[in-house]
């Protein structure tokens, strides 16, 4: 006999016994569509249902925690996961971050079934693409996905939460037939119904037209305007690296060389604010902590705690670092749980990306980044590539396109060289869209952005 996720959560909590733990049931439904060479290639529908358990076990020296996860069809499957998670906890030994679970919210719809996902949104995209594929002067590639995740969270502290979250992603790439020109346009959000395929088509066609004029540019430190997508990719990595624990232990770019952290230090002369906020309109997300294990940014023992808006950078000043309760105590900082969205604003910023590039005068407009990797965690030095369009701005006008580059930049250091900003807008992080797509970010103009070498990437 099949078992529902709410029932599985309750059974697991019962089997965990007096030591307790955290149980998370997840139902993930997705529809996706791919196209290449101006033709639909694949589409798929999938439903993935899993149960994940973090067992707490009393051991010599404290409380241990251990995890297990898998698909479940019966009570026996749940029992096996509980046994595995307890064994994992015992082998791990006492947890340094062990704390009492809170009695979190008890959602009235906890026992409701997972929501169903239909194909209407993917059909909206496929219908829009049919007209685009008829334009033979370019070839089109891309991906669209709509997902609906229903998450059931139960803890032995009494927390019972149910979240349903919709996420959408659309990417359109246009290439010239000789493959020497390529342009990208993307959109994130919560519904593919919000996507105008014609608007994205017009954008990539306009970019390809500009790229007919090629202007060679030597590598070096350049004045650049970064698109919201490019800024979001860099700031998301900064967010992921903003752990109070690592900073307090002297192991991150947020560590103070004299000891402690850099909280309170001015990072930018601009009134820039980087925040996560579960109530950001249009990209709302989990407003309570949901953690299975322990990491630099969170702890299973915090599950059920309220998440408020957190401004890591406020008006240019580093004001907080992400943490669990335990890490916050160790770092002597306020408890700052983060959630899965990002907002980057500049109180002085105004205008569109094109208007910002025009105000730059002379420089380069970078539309998106790719293949971002960390080089040095001590100063958060990142490397990666520009892709699908770097444009030359001269006298405030976009006059052509140039070659691609490898860049080497620290997003923290970069903030000190922001000279202008545009209006905050919804965007799709090109690099991190598989894991993090809820973003509202301002384009930024940067002085001395390090485009270190030329790249053959298109």
Protein backbone atom coordinates (compact mmCIF):
# COMPACT_ATOMS: atom_id res chain seq x y z
CA UNK A 1 0.00 0.00 0.00
CA UNK A 2 1.37 3.42 -0.96
CA UNK A 3 1.93 6.00 1.74
CA UNK A 4 1.36 9.76 1.58
CA UNK A 5 4.20 12.14 2.40
CA UNK A 6 2.42 13.73 5.41
CA UNK A 7 1.82 10.25 6.82
CA UNK A 8 5.42 9.26 6.12
CA UNK A 9 6.65 12.34 8.02
CA UNK A 10 4.52 11.43 11.05
CA UNK A 11 5.59 7.78 11.00
CA UNK A 12 9.26 8.74 10.80
CA UNK A 13 8.95 11.14 13.72
CA UNK A 14 7.26 8.41 15.76
CA UNK A 15 10.04 5.95 14.94
CA UNK A 16 12.75 8.46 15.83
CA UNK A 17 11.60 8.23 19.43
CA UNK A 18 12.46 10.53 22.32
CA UNK A 19 15.69 11.86 20.80
CA UNK A 20 13.70 13.13 17.82
CA UNK A 21 14.87 14.83 14.68
CA UNK A 22 13.76 16.54 11.47
CA UNK A 23 11.83 14.91 8.64
CA UNK A 24 11.27 16.46 5.22
CA UNK A 25 9.01 15.04 2.53
CA UNK A 26 9.39 16.46 -0.95
CA UNK A 27 7.20 16.16 -4.03
CA UNK A 28 8.80 17.77 -7.07
CA UNK A 29 6.92 17.97 -10.37
CA UNK A 30 8.62 19.40 -13.46
CA UNK A 31 7.87 20.00 -17.12
CA UNK A 32 10.69 20.94 -19.47
CA UNK A 33 11.33 21.65 -23.10
CA UNK A 34 14.58 21.84 -25.09
CA UNK A 35 15.28 23.08 -28.58
CA UNK A 36 18.32 23.23 -30.86
CA UNK A 37 18.97 24.24 -34.46
CA UNK A 38 15.51 25.87 -34.53
CA UNK A 39 13.67 22.66 -33.74
CA UNK A 40 12.19 21.14 -30.62
CA UNK A 41 14.38 18.26 -29.48
CA UNK A 42 13.14 16.86 -26.17
CA UNK A 43 10.45 17.44 -23.62
CA UNK A 44 9.78 15.69 -20.37
CA UNK A 45 7.50 15.44 -17.37
CA UNK A 46 8.76 14.09 -14.07
CA UNK A 47 7.51 13.65 -10.53
CA UNK A 48 10.07 12.89 -7.86
CA UNK A 49 8.92 12.02 -4.33
CA UNK A 50 11.45 11.55 -1.54
CA UNK A 51 11.66 11.41 2.24
CA UNK A 52 14.71 12.78 4.03
CA UNK A 53 15.48 12.32 7.71
CA UNK A 54 17.88 13.96 10.13
CA UNK A 55 17.95 11.76 13.24
CA UNK A 56 19.10 13.09 16.60
CA UNK A 57 20.70 10.48 18.88
CA UNK A 58 21.98 10.94 22.41
CA UNK A 59 25.62 9.84 22.57
CA UNK A 60 28.49 10.27 24.99
CA UNK A 61 29.37 13.95 24.90
CA UNK A 62 26.10 15.29 23.55
CA UNK A 63 23.66 14.80 20.69
CA UNK A 64 24.63 13.43 17.29
CA UNK A 65 22.79 13.93 14.03
CA UNK A 66 22.80 11.84 10.89
CA UNK A 67 20.97 11.89 7.60
CA UNK A 68 19.35 9.49 5.16
CA UNK A 69 17.17 10.04 2.11
CA UNK A 70 15.30 7.94 -0.41
CA UNK A 71 12.07 7.18 -2.17
CA UNK A 72 9.29 5.63 -0.10
CA UNK A 73 6.36 3.41 -1.00
CA UNK A 74 5.52 1.80 2.34
CA UNK A 75 6.04 1.95 6.09
CA UNK A 76 8.94 -0.48 5.68
CA UNK A 77 10.76 2.07 3.50
CA UNK A 78 10.32 4.71 6.18
CA UNK A 79 11.60 2.33 8.84
CA UNK A 80 14.70 1.60 6.78
CA UNK A 81 15.45 5.32 6.39
CA UNK A 82 15.08 5.92 10.13
CA UNK A 83 17.48 3.06 10.90
CA UNK A 84 19.99 4.42 8.38
CA UNK A 85 19.81 7.97 9.74
CA UNK A 86 20.32 6.80 13.32
CA UNK A 87 23.32 4.72 12.28
CA UNK A 88 24.75 7.74 10.47
CA UNK A 89 24.30 9.86 13.59
CA UNK A 90 26.05 7.36 15.85
CA UNK A 91 29.02 7.10 13.49
CA UNK A 92 29.29 10.90 13.24
CA UNK A 93 29.60 11.54 16.96
CA UNK A 94 28.29 14.56 18.93
CA UNK A 95 27.25 17.64 16.94
CA UNK A 96 28.93 20.88 17.96
CA UNK A 97 25.84 22.83 16.87
CA UNK A 98 23.29 20.77 18.83
CA UNK A 99 20.53 22.96 20.32
CA UNK A 100 16.92 22.51 21.36
CA UNK A 101 14.43 22.49 18.49
CA UNK A 102 11.87 25.26 18.56
CA UNK A 103 8.16 24.68 18.42
CA UNK A 104 7.67 26.16 14.96
CA UNK A 105 4.48 26.81 13.03
CA UNK A 106 1.78 24.21 12.50
CA UNK A 107 0.30 24.83 9.06
CA UNK A 108 -3.37 23.95 8.80
CA UNK A 109 -2.87 22.44 5.32
CA UNK A 110 -0.01 20.15 6.36
CA UNK A 111 -1.98 17.02 5.44
CA UNK A 112 -3.16 18.34 2.07
CA UNK A 113 -1.89 16.49 -1.01
CA UNK A 114 0.81 17.91 -3.24
CA UNK A 115 -0.38 20.25 -5.96
CA UNK A 116 -0.46 18.95 -9.54
CA UNK A 117 1.41 20.56 -12.42
CA UNK A 118 -0.24 20.72 -15.83
CA UNK A 119 1.35 21.33 -19.23
CA UNK A 120 -0.30 24.68 -19.95
CA UNK A 121 2.81 26.71 -19.25
CA UNK A 122 5.15 24.57 -21.35
CA UNK A 123 2.53 24.65 -24.12
CA UNK A 124 2.57 28.45 -23.95
CA UNK A 125 6.32 28.37 -24.68
CA UNK A 126 6.12 25.79 -27.47
CA UNK A 127 3.36 27.78 -29.19
CA UNK A 128 5.51 30.92 -29.04
CA UNK A 129 8.56 29.15 -30.41
CA UNK A 130 6.75 27.88 -33.48
CA UNK A 131 6.77 31.37 -34.97
CA UNK A 132 10.38 32.09 -33.98
CA UNK A 133 11.73 28.97 -35.69
CA UNK A 134 10.46 30.26 -39.02
CA UNK A 135 13.09 33.01 -39.03
CA UNK A 136 15.89 31.41 -41.03
CA UNK A 137 18.54 34.14 -40.68
CA UNK A 138 19.54 32.65 -37.32
CA UNK A 139 19.33 29.36 -35.49
CA UNK A 140 17.78 29.10 -32.06
CA UNK A 141 18.65 27.05 -29.01
CA UNK A 142 17.26 27.01 -25.52
CA UNK A 143 15.53 25.53 -22.55
CA UNK A 144 12.31 26.09 -20.61
CA UNK A 145 11.25 24.54 -17.35
CA UNK A 146 8.33 24.85 -14.97
CA UNK A 147 8.49 23.20 -11.57
CA UNK A 148 6.12 22.86 -8.65
CA UNK A 149 7.65 21.69 -5.38
CA UNK A 150 5.53 20.74 -2.38
CA UNK A 151 7.56 20.29 0.81
CA UNK A 152 6.36 18.80 4.10
CA UNK A 153 8.49 19.57 7.16
CA UNK A 154 7.98 17.93 10.53
CA UNK A 155 10.12 18.06 13.66
CA UNK A 156 9.96 16.41 17.05
CA UNK A 157 9.64 19.93 18.45
CA UNK A 158 6.12 20.12 17.04
CA UNK A 159 6.77 21.98 13.80
CA UNK A 160 4.53 21.02 10.89
CA UNK A 161 5.04 23.10 7.74
CA UNK A 162 3.88 22.68 4.17
CA UNK A 163 5.27 24.83 1.36
CA UNK A 164 4.26 24.88 -2.30
CA UNK A 165 6.66 26.76 -4.53
CA UNK A 166 6.51 27.39 -8.26
CA UNK A 167 9.67 28.16 -10.22
CA UNK A 168 10.07 28.95 -13.91
CA UNK A 169 13.08 29.33 -16.17
CA UNK A 170 13.35 30.35 -19.82
CA UNK A 171 16.50 30.72 -21.92
CA UNK A 172 16.76 31.60 -25.60
CA UNK A 173 20.04 31.65 -27.50
CA UNK A 174 20.34 32.78 -31.12
CA UNK A 175 23.39 31.97 -33.24
CA UNK A 176 24.51 32.99 -36.68
CA UNK A 177 24.91 30.14 -39.15
CA UNK A 178 28.70 30.54 -39.17
CA UNK A 179 28.65 30.33 -35.33
CA UNK A 180 30.68 33.54 -35.02
CA UNK A 181 27.86 35.48 -33.37
CA UNK A 182 25.73 34.39 -30.40
CA UNK A 183 23.23 36.17 -28.16
CA UNK A 184 21.33 35.07 -25.05
CA UNK A 185 18.19 36.18 -23.26
CA UNK A 186 16.79 34.62 -20.11
CA UNK A 187 13.95 35.03 -17.64
CA UNK A 188 13.30 33.53 -14.23
CA UNK A 189 10.23 33.75 -12.03
CA UNK A 190 7.33 31.61 -10.95
CA UNK A 191 5.33 31.12 -14.15
CA UNK A 192 6.18 30.58 -17.82
CA UNK A 193 2.92 32.36 -18.63
CA UNK A 194 4.84 35.56 -17.82
CA UNK A 195 7.31 34.90 -20.64
CA UNK A 196 6.87 36.72 -23.94
CA UNK A 197 8.82 34.64 -26.44
CA UNK A 198 8.49 37.47 -28.98
CA UNK A 199 10.22 39.92 -26.62
CA UNK A 200 13.11 37.52 -26.09
CA UNK A 201 13.30 36.88 -29.84
CA UNK A 202 13.49 40.62 -30.53
CA UNK A 203 16.23 41.02 -27.92
CA UNK A 204 18.53 38.30 -29.28
CA UNK A 205 17.99 39.41 -32.88
CA UNK A 206 18.93 42.99 -31.99
CA UNK A 207 22.09 41.74 -30.26
CA UNK A 208 23.07 39.60 -33.26
CA UNK A 209 22.67 42.60 -35.54
CA UNK A 210 25.01 44.69 -33.38
CA UNK A 211 27.55 41.86 -33.42
CA UNK A 212 27.98 42.24 -37.19
CA UNK A 213 30.40 45.04 -36.32
CA UNK A 214 33.37 43.42 -34.60
CA UNK A 215 35.93 45.52 -32.71
CA UNK A 216 38.99 43.81 -31.26
CA UNK A 217 39.71 44.69 -27.63
CA UNK A 218 42.83 43.86 -25.66
CA UNK A 219 42.53 42.30 -22.21
CA UNK A 220 43.16 44.38 -19.11
CA UNK A 221 41.24 46.35 -16.53
CA UNK A 222 38.25 47.93 -18.25
CA UNK A 223 35.31 50.07 -17.30
CA UNK A 224 32.34 47.76 -17.74
CA UNK A 225 28.60 47.68 -17.31
CA UNK A 226 27.40 44.32 -16.01
CA UNK A 227 23.85 43.17 -16.80
CA UNK A 228 21.55 42.18 -13.91
CA UNK A 229 22.19 38.53 -14.82
CA UNK A 230 25.97 38.97 -14.59
CA UNK A 231 25.71 40.90 -11.32
CA UNK A 232 23.42 38.24 -9.84
CA UNK A 233 25.87 35.44 -10.64
CA UNK A 234 28.65 37.24 -8.77
CA UNK A 235 26.49 38.32 -5.84
CA UNK A 236 24.99 34.85 -5.38
CA UNK A 237 28.49 33.46 -4.97
CA UNK A 238 29.18 36.21 -2.44
CA UNK A 239 25.98 35.24 -0.62
CA UNK A 240 26.97 31.56 -0.56
CA UNK A 241 30.36 32.56 0.87
CA UNK A 242 29.02 34.84 3.60
CA UNK A 243 29.19 32.34 6.48
CA UNK A 244 29.73 33.90 9.90
CA UNK A 245 31.44 30.72 11.10
CA UNK A 246 34.11 30.77 8.40
CA UNK A 247 34.68 34.50 8.86
CA UNK A 248 35.06 34.23 12.64
CA UNK A 249 37.54 31.38 12.22
CA UNK A 250 39.71 33.45 9.85
CA UNK A 251 38.95 31.31 6.80
CA UNK A 252 37.09 33.66 4.46
CA UNK A 253 37.18 36.97 2.67
CA UNK A 254 34.89 38.30 5.42
CA UNK A 255 37.51 37.66 8.12
CA UNK A 256 39.20 40.63 9.79
CA UNK A 257 43.00 40.32 9.72
CA UNK A 258 43.04 41.51 13.34
CA UNK A 259 40.57 38.82 14.39
CA UNK A 260 36.82 38.49 14.19
CA UNK A 261 34.82 39.50 11.14
CA UNK A 262 34.52 42.48 8.82
CA UNK A 263 30.94 43.24 9.88
CA UNK A 264 30.63 47.01 10.16
CA UNK A 265 33.16 47.67 7.39
CA UNK A 266 32.22 49.81 4.39
CA UNK A 267 32.52 47.79 1.19
CA UNK A 268 31.19 50.40 -1.24
CA UNK A 269 30.83 54.16 -1.34
CA UNK A 270 27.50 53.58 -3.10
CA UNK A 271 24.24 53.04 -1.23
CA UNK A 272 24.19 49.38 -2.29
CA UNK A 273 22.07 46.85 -0.44
CA UNK A 274 22.28 43.06 -0.79
CA UNK A 275 19.44 41.22 0.91
CA UNK A 276 17.53 37.97 1.13
CA UNK A 277 13.87 38.27 2.00
CA UNK A 278 11.24 35.48 1.94
CA UNK A 279 8.57 38.07 1.17
CA UNK A 280 10.16 39.66 -1.91
CA UNK A 281 7.17 40.27 -4.23
CA UNK A 282 7.18 37.85 -7.14
CA UNK A 283 9.93 35.61 -5.79
CA UNK A 284 8.57 34.67 -2.37
CA UNK A 285 10.12 31.59 -0.79
CA UNK A 286 10.52 29.67 2.51
CA UNK A 287 9.98 31.94 5.51
CA UNK A 288 11.17 29.40 8.11
CA UNK A 289 14.41 27.48 8.37
CA UNK A 290 14.34 24.05 6.69
CA UNK A 291 17.65 22.22 7.14
CA UNK A 292 18.55 18.55 7.17
CA UNK A 293 22.22 18.79 8.08
CA UNK A 294 24.81 21.18 9.37
CA UNK A 295 26.85 23.50 7.16
CA UNK A 296 28.68 26.80 7.43
CA UNK A 297 25.38 28.60 6.85
CA UNK A 298 22.80 26.49 8.70
CA UNK A 299 21.88 23.70 11.09
CA UNK A 300 19.20 21.03 11.29
CA UNK A 301 18.64 22.10 14.90
CA UNK A 302 17.35 25.48 13.64
CA UNK A 303 14.52 23.99 11.56
CA UNK A 304 11.26 25.80 12.26
CA UNK A 305 12.80 29.16 13.18
CA UNK A 306 11.40 32.25 11.47
CA UNK A 307 13.37 33.82 8.61
CA UNK A 308 13.10 37.58 8.33
CA UNK A 309 14.59 39.94 5.76
CA UNK A 310 18.37 39.95 6.12
CA UNK A 311 20.52 42.73 4.70
CA UNK A 312 24.08 41.45 4.49
CA UNK A 313 25.14 44.73 2.93
CA UNK A 314 23.14 47.86 3.74
CA UNK A 315 23.96 51.17 2.03
CA UNK A 316 27.43 49.87 1.22
CA UNK A 317 28.26 48.57 4.72
CA UNK A 318 28.67 44.90 5.62
CA UNK A 319 26.02 44.51 8.31
CA UNK A 320 25.49 40.75 8.72
CA UNK A 321 26.77 37.30 7.82
CA UNK A 322 24.72 34.14 7.31
CA UNK A 323 24.62 31.81 10.28
CA UNK A 324 22.99 29.13 12.38
CA UNK A 325 22.19 29.93 16.01
CA UNK A 326 25.34 28.16 17.13
CA UNK A 327 27.56 29.89 14.57
CA UNK A 328 26.08 33.27 15.48
CA UNK A 329 26.91 32.70 19.14
CA UNK A 330 30.46 31.62 18.31
CA UNK A 331 31.00 34.64 16.04
CA UNK A 332 29.26 37.00 18.49
CA UNK A 333 26.91 38.17 15.74
CA UNK A 334 23.11 38.23 15.39
CA UNK A 335 21.47 35.01 14.18
CA UNK A 336 21.02 35.49 10.42
CA UNK A 337 19.31 32.64 8.54
CA UNK A 338 19.29 33.09 4.77
CA UNK A 339 16.66 32.05 2.27
CA UNK A 340 16.69 31.17 -1.43
CA UNK A 341 16.37 34.55 -3.12
CA UNK A 342 18.50 37.63 -3.57
CA UNK A 343 17.92 41.34 -4.01
CA UNK A 344 20.60 43.85 -5.03
CA UNK A 345 19.58 47.50 -5.04
CA UNK A 346 21.31 50.85 -5.26
CA UNK A 347 19.43 53.76 -3.71
CA UNK A 348 21.06 56.09 -6.25
CA UNK A 349 20.59 53.76 -9.21
CA UNK A 350 18.20 54.58 -12.04
CA UNK A 351 17.48 53.69 -15.64
CA UNK A 352 17.66 50.57 -17.77
CA UNK A 353 20.72 48.51 -18.62
CA UNK A 354 21.09 50.36 -21.93
CA UNK A 355 20.77 53.73 -20.24
CA UNK A 356 23.37 52.74 -17.65
CA UNK A 357 25.78 51.65 -20.38
CA UNK A 358 25.21 54.97 -22.14
CA UNK A 359 26.05 56.93 -18.98
CA UNK A 360 29.31 54.95 -18.77
CA UNK A 361 30.55 56.88 -21.81
CA UNK A 362 33.30 54.55 -23.02
CA UNK A 363 33.65 50.94 -21.95
CA UNK A 364 32.29 47.44 -22.40
CA UNK A 365 28.80 46.06 -21.82
CA UNK A 366 28.92 42.48 -20.50
CA UNK A 367 25.61 40.63 -20.89
CA UNK A 368 26.30 37.34 -19.13
CA UNK A 369 28.95 35.24 -17.41
CA UNK A 370 29.74 31.55 -17.59
CA UNK A 371 31.82 28.83 -15.95
CA UNK A 372 32.44 30.72 -12.71
CA UNK A 373 34.91 29.07 -10.33
CA UNK A 374 36.59 30.12 -7.10
CA UNK A 375 40.34 30.79 -7.27
CA UNK A 376 41.13 32.05 -3.77
CA UNK A 377 38.62 31.90 -0.86
CA UNK A 378 40.71 34.28 1.23
CA UNK A 379 39.72 37.21 -0.95
CA UNK A 380 36.85 35.51 -2.82
CA UNK A 381 38.69 35.76 -6.12
CA UNK A 382 36.56 34.25 -8.89
CA UNK A 383 37.33 33.40 -12.47
CA UNK A 384 35.03 32.73 -15.40
CA UNK A 385 34.16 33.67 -18.95
CA UNK A 386 32.05 36.25 -20.68
CA UNK A 387 29.65 34.75 -23.17
CA UNK A 388 27.02 35.51 -25.82
CA UNK A 389 27.84 39.15 -26.35
CA UNK A 390 30.33 41.72 -25.08
CA UNK A 391 29.54 45.11 -26.58
CA UNK A 392 31.70 48.18 -27.15
CA UNK A 393 30.33 51.48 -25.86
CA UNK A 394 31.88 54.66 -27.24
CA UNK A 395 30.62 58.15 -26.51
CA UNK A 396 27.58 56.67 -24.82
CA UNK A 397 26.58 54.60 -27.87
CA UNK A 398 26.81 50.86 -28.45
CA UNK A 399 28.93 50.77 -31.61
CA UNK A 400 29.66 47.09 -32.00
CA UNK A 401 30.72 43.89 -30.29
CA UNK A 402 34.07 42.57 -29.23
CA UNK A 403 35.80 39.33 -28.33
CA UNK A 404 35.05 37.36 -25.18
CA UNK A 405 37.30 37.33 -22.13
CA UNK A 406 38.30 35.36 -19.08
CA UNK A 407 37.77 37.49 -16.00
CA UNK A 408 39.42 37.39 -12.58
CA UNK A 409 37.51 39.38 -9.99
CA UNK A 410 36.49 39.36 -6.35
CA UNK A 411 32.85 40.45 -6.02
CA UNK A 412 33.75 41.98 -2.65
CA UNK A 413 36.57 44.09 -4.09
CA UNK A 414 34.41 44.87 -7.11
CA UNK A 415 31.86 46.59 -4.88
CA UNK A 416 34.44 49.24 -3.98
CA UNK A 417 34.70 50.14 -7.69
CA UNK A 418 31.00 50.55 -8.50
CA UNK A 419 30.60 53.95 -10.17
CA UNK A 420 26.96 53.82 -11.27
CA UNK A 421 23.89 51.59 -11.13
CA UNK A 422 20.57 51.06 -12.81
CA UNK A 423 17.11 50.09 -11.64
CA UNK A 424 16.62 46.75 -9.89
CA UNK A 425 14.76 44.28 -12.11
CA UNK A 426 13.87 40.56 -12.06
CA UNK A 427 16.55 38.51 -13.81
CA UNK A 428 17.80 34.97 -14.40
CA UNK A 429 21.30 34.16 -13.14
CA UNK A 430 22.92 32.53 -16.19
CA UNK A 431 25.43 30.42 -14.28
CA UNK A 432 23.43 29.41 -11.22
CA UNK A 433 19.94 28.97 -12.70
CA UNK A 434 19.96 25.23 -11.96
CA UNK A 435 20.19 25.92 -8.22
CA UNK A 436 19.23 29.53 -7.61
CA UNK A 437 16.88 31.46 -9.88
CA UNK A 438 14.96 33.87 -7.62
CA UNK A 439 16.76 37.16 -8.21
CA UNK A 440 15.97 40.87 -8.43
CA UNK A 441 19.16 42.73 -9.22
CA UNK A 442 20.39 46.10 -10.45
CA UNK A 443 22.89 46.38 -13.32
CA UNK A 444 26.18 47.91 -12.17
CA UNK A 445 28.93 49.96 -13.82
CA UNK A 446 32.37 48.94 -12.54
CA UNK A 447 35.69 50.74 -12.89
CA UNK A 448 38.73 48.56 -13.58
CA UNK A 449 37.00 45.20 -14.01
CA UNK A 450 39.75 42.65 -14.65
CA UNK A 451 39.24 41.05 -18.07
CA UNK A 452 42.49 39.15 -17.79
CA UNK A 453 42.82 37.31 -21.11
CA UNK A 454 40.99 36.89 -24.38
CA UNK A 455 38.70 33.87 -24.76
CA UNK A 456 37.73 31.97 -27.89
CA UNK A 457 34.26 31.34 -26.41
CA UNK A 458 31.32 32.55 -28.46
